[in-house]
C-alpha atoms as a PDB file:
ATOM      1  CA  MET A   1       0.203   0.144   0.015  1.00  0.00           C
ATOM      2  CA  SER A   2       1.442   3.555  -0.921  1.00  0.00           C
ATOM      3  CA  ASN A   3       2.218   6.252   1.654  1.00  0.00           C
ATOM      4  CA  LYS A   4       1.195   8.891  -0.920  1.00  0.00           C
ATOM      5  CA  LYS A   5      -1.296  11.325  -0.169  1.00  0.00           C
ATOM      6  CA  ASN A   6      -4.358  11.529  -2.715  1.00  0.00           C
ATOM      7  CA  LEU A   7      -4.803  14.619  -5.012  1.00  0.00           C
ATOM      8  CA  THR A   8      -7.727  15.171  -7.008  1.00  0.00           C
ATOM      9  CA  ILE A   9      -7.307  17.431  -9.941  1.00  0.00           C
ATOM     10  CA  PHE A  10     -10.550  18.976 -11.301  1.00  0.00           C
ATOM     11  CA  ASP A  11     -11.552  19.892 -14.806  1.00  0.00           C
ATOM     12  CA  LEU A  12     -14.281  22.315 -13.388  1.00  0.00           C
ATOM     13  CA  ASP A  13     -15.467  23.712 -16.688  1.00  0.00           C
ATOM     14  CA  GLY A  14     -17.963  20.834 -17.261  1.00  0.00           C
ATOM     15  CA  LEU A  15     -19.553  21.179 -13.622  1.00  0.00           C
ATOM     16  CA  ILE A  16     -21.128  24.420 -14.934  1.00  0.00           C
ATOM     17  CA  PHE A  17     -23.193  22.589 -17.151  1.00  0.00           C
ATOM     18  CA  ILE A  18     -23.953  19.946 -14.681  1.00  0.00           C
ATOM     19  CA  ALA A  19     -24.840  22.419 -12.053  1.00  0.00           C
ATOM     20  CA  GLY A  20     -26.469  24.805 -14.336  1.00  0.00           C
ATOM     21  CA  TRP A  21     -28.721  22.501 -16.423  1.00  0.00           C
ATOM     22  CA  GLN A  22     -31.521  22.430 -13.616  1.00  0.00           C
ATOM     23  CA  TYR A  23     -31.687  25.900 -13.016  1.00  0.00           C
ATOM     24  CA  ARG A  24     -31.965  26.757 -16.850  1.00  0.00           C
ATOM     25  CA  PHE A  25     -35.370  28.410 -16.264  1.00  0.00           C
ATOM     26  CA  GLN A  26     -34.285  30.349 -13.253  1.00  0.00           C
ATOM     27  CA  LEU A  27     -31.994  33.009 -14.486  1.00  0.00           C
ATOM     28  CA  SER A  28     -32.560  35.152 -11.443  1.00  0.00           C
ATOM     29  CA  ASN A  29     -30.526  35.533  -7.892  1.00  0.00           C
ATOM     30  CA  ILE A  30     -32.459  32.376  -6.730  1.00  0.00           C
ATOM     31  CA  GLY A  31     -31.141  30.322  -9.793  1.00  0.00           C
ATOM     32  CA  LYS A  32     -27.455  31.670  -9.052  1.00  0.00           C
ATOM     33  CA  ILE A  33     -27.863  30.732  -5.089  1.00  0.00           C
ATOM     34  CA  GLY A  34     -28.973  27.281  -6.460  1.00  0.00           C
ATOM     35  CA  VAL A  35     -26.272  26.534  -9.078  1.00  0.00           C
ATOM     36  CA  LYS A  36     -23.315  27.655  -6.355  1.00  0.00           C
ATOM     37  CA  LYS A  37     -25.083  25.417  -3.828  1.00  0.00           C
ATOM     38  CA  LYS A  38     -25.219  22.688  -6.594  1.00  0.00           C
ATOM     39  CA  ILE A  39     -21.413  23.186  -7.447  1.00  0.00           C
ATOM     40  CA  ASP A  40     -20.468  23.062  -3.727  1.00  0.00           C
ATOM     41  CA  GLU A  41     -22.416  19.751  -3.572  1.00  0.00           C
ATOM     42  CA  LEU A  42     -20.718  18.153  -6.552  1.00  0.00           C
ATOM     43  CA  ILE A  43     -17.165  19.344  -5.312  1.00  0.00           C
ATOM     44  CA  THR A  44     -17.821  18.028  -1.702  1.00  0.00           C
ATOM     45  CA  ASN A  45     -19.095  14.961  -3.069  1.00  0.00           C
ATOM     46  CA  ILE A  46     -16.027  14.477  -5.540  1.00  0.00           C
ATOM     47  CA  LEU A  47     -13.329  15.166  -2.848  1.00  0.00           C
ATOM     48  CA  PHE A  48     -15.314  12.657  -0.418  1.00  0.00           C
ATOM     49  CA  ARG A  49     -15.624   9.832  -3.208  1.00  0.00           C
ATOM     50  CA  SER A  50     -11.707  10.427  -4.349  1.00  0.00           C
ATOM     51  CA  LYS A  51     -10.597  10.534  -0.647  1.00  0.00           C
ATOM     52  CA  ALA A  52      -8.748  13.544  -1.452  1.00  0.00           C
ATOM     53  CA  ASP A  53      -6.274  14.871   0.885  1.00  0.00           C
ATOM     54  CA  PHE A  54      -5.502  17.984  -1.325  1.00  0.00           C
ATOM     55  CA  PHE A  55      -7.104  19.614  -4.600  1.00  0.00           C
ATOM     56  CA  VAL A  56      -6.704  21.830  -7.400  1.00  0.00           C
ATOM     57  CA  GLY A  57      -8.927  22.805  -9.665  1.00  0.00           C
ATOM     58  CA  PHE A  58      -8.647  24.601 -13.313  1.00  0.00           C
ATOM     59  CA  TYR A  59     -11.406  26.372 -15.280  1.00  0.00           C
ATOM     60  CA  GLY A  60     -11.337  28.644 -18.538  1.00  0.00           C
ATOM     61  CA  VAL A  61     -11.987  32.187 -18.297  1.00  0.00           C
ATOM     62  CA  GLU A  62     -14.105  34.167 -20.678  1.00  0.00           C
ATOM     63  CA  GLY A  63     -12.532  35.518 -23.984  1.00  0.00           C
ATOM     64  CA  SER A  64      -9.613  33.312 -23.611  1.00  0.00           C
ATOM     65  CA  GLU A  65      -7.032  32.667 -26.303  1.00  0.00           C
ATOM     66  CA  VAL A  66      -5.801  29.296 -26.386  1.00  0.00           C
ATOM     67  CA  PHE A  67      -3.021  28.107 -28.410  1.00  0.00           C
ATOM     68  CA  ARG A  68      -5.766  25.949 -30.581  1.00  0.00           C
ATOM     69  CA  HIS A  69      -7.316  29.224 -31.871  1.00  0.00           C
ATOM     70  CA  GLU A  70      -4.130  29.799 -33.574  1.00  0.00           C
ATOM     71  CA  TRP A  71      -4.184  26.467 -35.305  1.00  0.00           C
ATOM     72  CA  ALA A  72      -7.525  26.017 -36.213  1.00  0.00           C
ATOM     73  CA  THR A  73      -7.107  27.754 -39.788  1.00  0.00           C
ATOM     74  CA  ILE A  74      -9.621  25.849 -41.827  1.00  0.00           C
ATOM     75  CA  LYS A  75     -12.874  26.713 -39.257  1.00  0.00           C
ATOM     76  CA  PRO A  76     -12.798  28.289 -35.760  1.00  0.00           C
ATOM     77  CA  TYR A  77     -11.716  26.310 -33.016  1.00  0.00           C
ATOM     78  CA  LYS A  78     -15.056  25.257 -31.361  1.00  0.00           C
ATOM     79  CA  GLY A  79     -16.799  27.437 -33.718  1.00  0.00           C
ATOM     80  CA  SER A  80     -19.799  25.280 -33.995  1.00  0.00           C
ATOM     81  CA  ARG A  81     -20.546  25.272 -30.424  1.00  0.00           C
ATOM     82  CA  LYS A  82     -23.190  27.924 -29.346  1.00  0.00           C
ATOM     83  CA  SER A  83     -23.901  28.627 -25.924  1.00  0.00           C
ATOM     84  CA  GLU A  84     -27.454  28.949 -24.664  1.00  0.00           C
ATOM     85  CA  GLU A  85     -28.641  31.933 -22.698  1.00  0.00           C
ATOM     86  CA  TRP A  86     -28.650  29.891 -19.373  1.00  0.00           C
ATOM     87  CA  GLN A  87     -25.199  29.145 -19.626  1.00  0.00           C
ATOM     88  CA  ARG A  88     -24.068  32.479 -20.393  1.00  0.00           C
ATOM     89  CA  PHE A  89     -26.231  33.628 -17.454  1.00  0.00           C
ATOM     90  CA  PHE A  90     -24.523  30.988 -14.865  1.00  0.00           C
ATOM     91  CA  LYS A  91     -20.671  31.029 -16.277  1.00  0.00           C
ATOM     92  CA  PRO A  92     -19.451  34.256 -14.541  1.00  0.00           C
ATOM     93  CA  VAL A  93     -21.180  33.594 -11.244  1.00  0.00           C
ATOM     94  CA  VAL A  94     -19.862  29.839 -11.396  1.00  0.00           C
ATOM     95  CA  LYS A  95     -16.328  30.850 -12.192  1.00  0.00           C
ATOM     96  CA  ASP A  96     -16.340  33.600  -9.670  1.00  0.00           C
ATOM     97  CA  HIS A  97     -17.315  30.882  -7.202  1.00  0.00           C
ATOM     98  CA  PHE A  98     -14.466  28.363  -8.360  1.00  0.00           C
ATOM     99  CA  LYS A  99     -12.224  31.308  -7.814  1.00  0.00           C
ATOM    100  CA  GLU A 100     -13.479  32.476  -4.399  1.00  0.00           C
ATOM    101  CA  LYS A 101     -14.719  29.622  -2.594  1.00  0.00           C
ATOM    102  CA  TRP A 102     -12.516  26.735  -3.757  1.00  0.00           C
ATOM    103  CA  GLY A 103      -9.338  28.676  -4.776  1.00  0.00           C
ATOM    104  CA  ALA A 104      -9.532  27.394  -8.298  1.00  0.00           C
ATOM    105  CA  TYR A 105      -7.183  28.683 -11.255  1.00  0.00           C
ATOM    106  CA  GLY A 106      -9.079  30.628 -14.116  1.00  0.00           C
ATOM    107  CA  LEU A 107      -6.843  30.165 -17.299  1.00  0.00           C
ATOM    108  CA  SER A 108      -6.671  32.194 -20.252  1.00  0.00           C
ATOM    109  CA  THR A 109      -3.895  30.700 -22.410  1.00  0.00           C
ATOM    110  CA  LEU A 110      -4.778  26.923 -21.742  1.00  0.00           C
ATOM    111  CA  GLU A 111      -7.763  24.751 -21.644  1.00  0.00           C
ATOM    112  CA  ALA A 112      -8.977  23.593 -18.226  1.00  0.00           C
ATOM    113  CA  ASP A 113      -8.456  19.970 -19.408  1.00  0.00           C
ATOM    114  CA  ASP A 114      -4.766  21.007 -20.726  1.00  0.00           C
ATOM    115  CA  ALA A 115      -3.788  22.301 -17.265  1.00  0.00           C
ATOM    116  CA  VAL A 116      -5.438  19.022 -15.753  1.00  0.00           C
ATOM    117  CA  VAL A 117      -3.110  16.766 -17.444  1.00  0.00           C
ATOM    118  CA  ILE A 118      -0.040  19.301 -16.842  1.00  0.00           C
ATOM    119  CA  ALA A 119      -0.926  19.004 -13.157  1.00  0.00           C
ATOM    120  CA  TYR A 120      -1.001  15.401 -13.481  1.00  0.00           C
ATOM    121  CA  HIS A 121       2.037  14.815 -14.949  1.00  0.00           C
ATOM    122  CA  ASN A 122       3.982  17.389 -12.442  1.00  0.00           C
ATOM    123  CA  TYR A 123       2.378  15.380  -9.540  1.00  0.00           C
ATOM    124  CA  LYS A 124       2.019  11.843 -10.437  1.00  0.00           C
ATOM    125  CA  ASN A 125       5.216  10.923  -8.690  1.00  0.00           C
ATOM    126  CA  ASP A 126       4.261  12.423  -5.315  1.00  0.00           C
ATOM    127  CA  TYR A 127       0.499  11.749  -4.973  1.00  0.00           C
ATOM    128  CA  ASN A 128      -2.095   9.115  -5.879  1.00  0.00           C
ATOM    129  CA  ILE A 129      -3.864  10.906  -8.380  1.00  0.00           C
ATOM    130  CA  THR A 130      -7.747  11.218  -9.344  1.00  0.00           C
ATOM    131  CA  ILE A 131      -8.774  13.329 -12.478  1.00  0.00           C
ATOM    132  CA  SER A 132     -12.493  14.762 -12.082  1.00  0.00           C
ATOM    133  CA  THR A 133     -13.758  15.478 -15.528  1.00  0.00           C
ATOM    134  CA  ASP A 134     -16.324  14.735 -18.044  1.00  0.00           C
ATOM    135  CA  ASP A 135     -13.790  15.547 -20.997  1.00  0.00           C
ATOM    136  CA  LYS A 136     -12.618  12.719 -22.940  1.00  0.00           C
ATOM    137  CA  ASP A 137      -9.368  14.073 -24.132  1.00  0.00           C
ATOM    138  CA  THR A 138      -7.795  13.619 -20.494  1.00  0.00           C
ATOM    139  CA  LYS A 139      -8.335   9.722 -21.269  1.00  0.00           C
ATOM    140  CA  GLN A 140      -5.106  10.139 -23.485  1.00  0.00           C
ATOM    141  CA  VAL A 141      -3.006  10.811 -19.848  1.00  0.00           C
ATOM    142  CA  GLY A 142      -2.917   6.892 -19.488  1.00  0.00           C
ATOM    143  CA  GLU A 143      -2.768   5.031 -16.347  1.00  0.00           C
ATOM    144  CA  PHE A 144      -4.811   7.121 -13.685  1.00  0.00           C
ATOM    145  CA  LYS A 145      -8.402   7.069 -11.900  1.00  0.00           C
ATOM    146  CA  LYS A 146     -10.999   9.277 -13.544  1.00  0.00           C
ATOM    147  CA  TYR A 147     -13.952  10.388 -11.643  1.00  0.00           C
ATOM    148  CA  ASN A 148     -16.836  11.487 -14.017  1.00  0.00           C
ATOM    149  CA  PRO A 149     -19.006  13.840 -12.330  1.00  0.00           C
ATOM    150  CA  ARG A 150     -22.109  12.897 -14.841  1.00  0.00           C
ATOM    151  CA  ASN A 151     -22.451   9.531 -13.565  1.00  0.00           C
ATOM    152  CA  ASN A 152     -20.777   9.614 -10.176  1.00  0.00           C
ATOM    153  CA  LYS A 153     -18.327   6.773 -10.907  1.00  0.00           C
ATOM    154  CA  ILE A 154     -14.654   6.365 -10.663  1.00  0.00           C
ATOM    155  CA  GLU A 155     -12.982   4.319 -13.387  1.00  0.00           C
ATOM    156  CA  GLU A 156      -9.548   2.973 -13.784  1.00  0.00           C
ATOM    157  CA  ILE A 157      -7.867   4.357 -17.250  1.00  0.00           C
ATOM    158  CA  SER A 158      -5.116   1.907 -17.959  1.00  0.00           C
ATOM    159  CA  HIS A 159      -1.989   2.919 -19.675  1.00  0.00           C
ATOM    160  CA  ILE A 160      -2.758   0.886 -23.040  1.00  0.00           C
ATOM    161  CA  GLU A 161      -6.559   2.313 -23.201  1.00  0.00           C
ATOM    162  CA  GLY A 162      -4.913   5.820 -22.926  1.00  0.00           C
ATOM    163  CA  ARG A 163      -2.460   5.256 -25.736  1.00  0.00           C
ATOM    164  CA  LYS A 164      -5.067   3.672 -27.957  1.00  0.00           C
ATOM    165  CA  PHE A 165      -7.311   6.763 -27.434  1.00  0.00           C
ATOM    166  CA  PHE A 166      -4.726   8.871 -28.417  1.00  0.00           C
ATOM    167  CA  TRP A 167      -4.020   7.316 -31.581  1.00  0.00           C
ATOM    168  CA  GLN A 168      -7.582   6.774 -32.340  1.00  0.00           C
ATOM    169  CA  GLN A 169      -8.205  10.862 -32.153  1.00  0.00           C
ATOM    170  CA  MET A 170      -4.859  11.063 -34.317  1.00  0.00           C
ATOM    171  CA  VAL A 171      -6.375   8.860 -36.652  1.00  0.00           C
ATOM    172  CA  MET A 172      -9.679  10.753 -36.889  1.00  0.00           C
ATOM    173  CA  GLY A 173      -7.987  13.967 -36.584  1.00  0.00           C
ATOM    174  CA  LYS A 174      -9.648  15.359 -33.888  1.00  0.00           C
END
């Protein structure tokens, strides 16, 4: 058994949609309170389920310019994604809450999932790591525990599964 402490690394961007969905018709202060409460419940549950001794979280700031915008020359990066009114309403509230209550880091030059992967590689030798995300791309990391907040499950991702996913994405051009 390892003497390492447990570190949970959060990709917080997905939690905005998970928490906000049930309040999408309450674009008011009551909805804001509800979304922040739901975020707190989600994060607390994830920390408990992952047995975290420590945690760190990342989210993307509005209007950020990540390197992928430079590389996407044929069509805009994430150009087909359209946010709905409720998402635009709750994003600033939730992102402020991430920072103020949970000490999360807002990123303008990296996406949250990229920062999660970098943090994983920086800390993997020192901690038992669980990555909390619903982003499929983190699967490329290789051997780690992944907590999916959408289905409330922890799954073990193998090194081979991670490499296979990486090459699948390469072949598909994603």
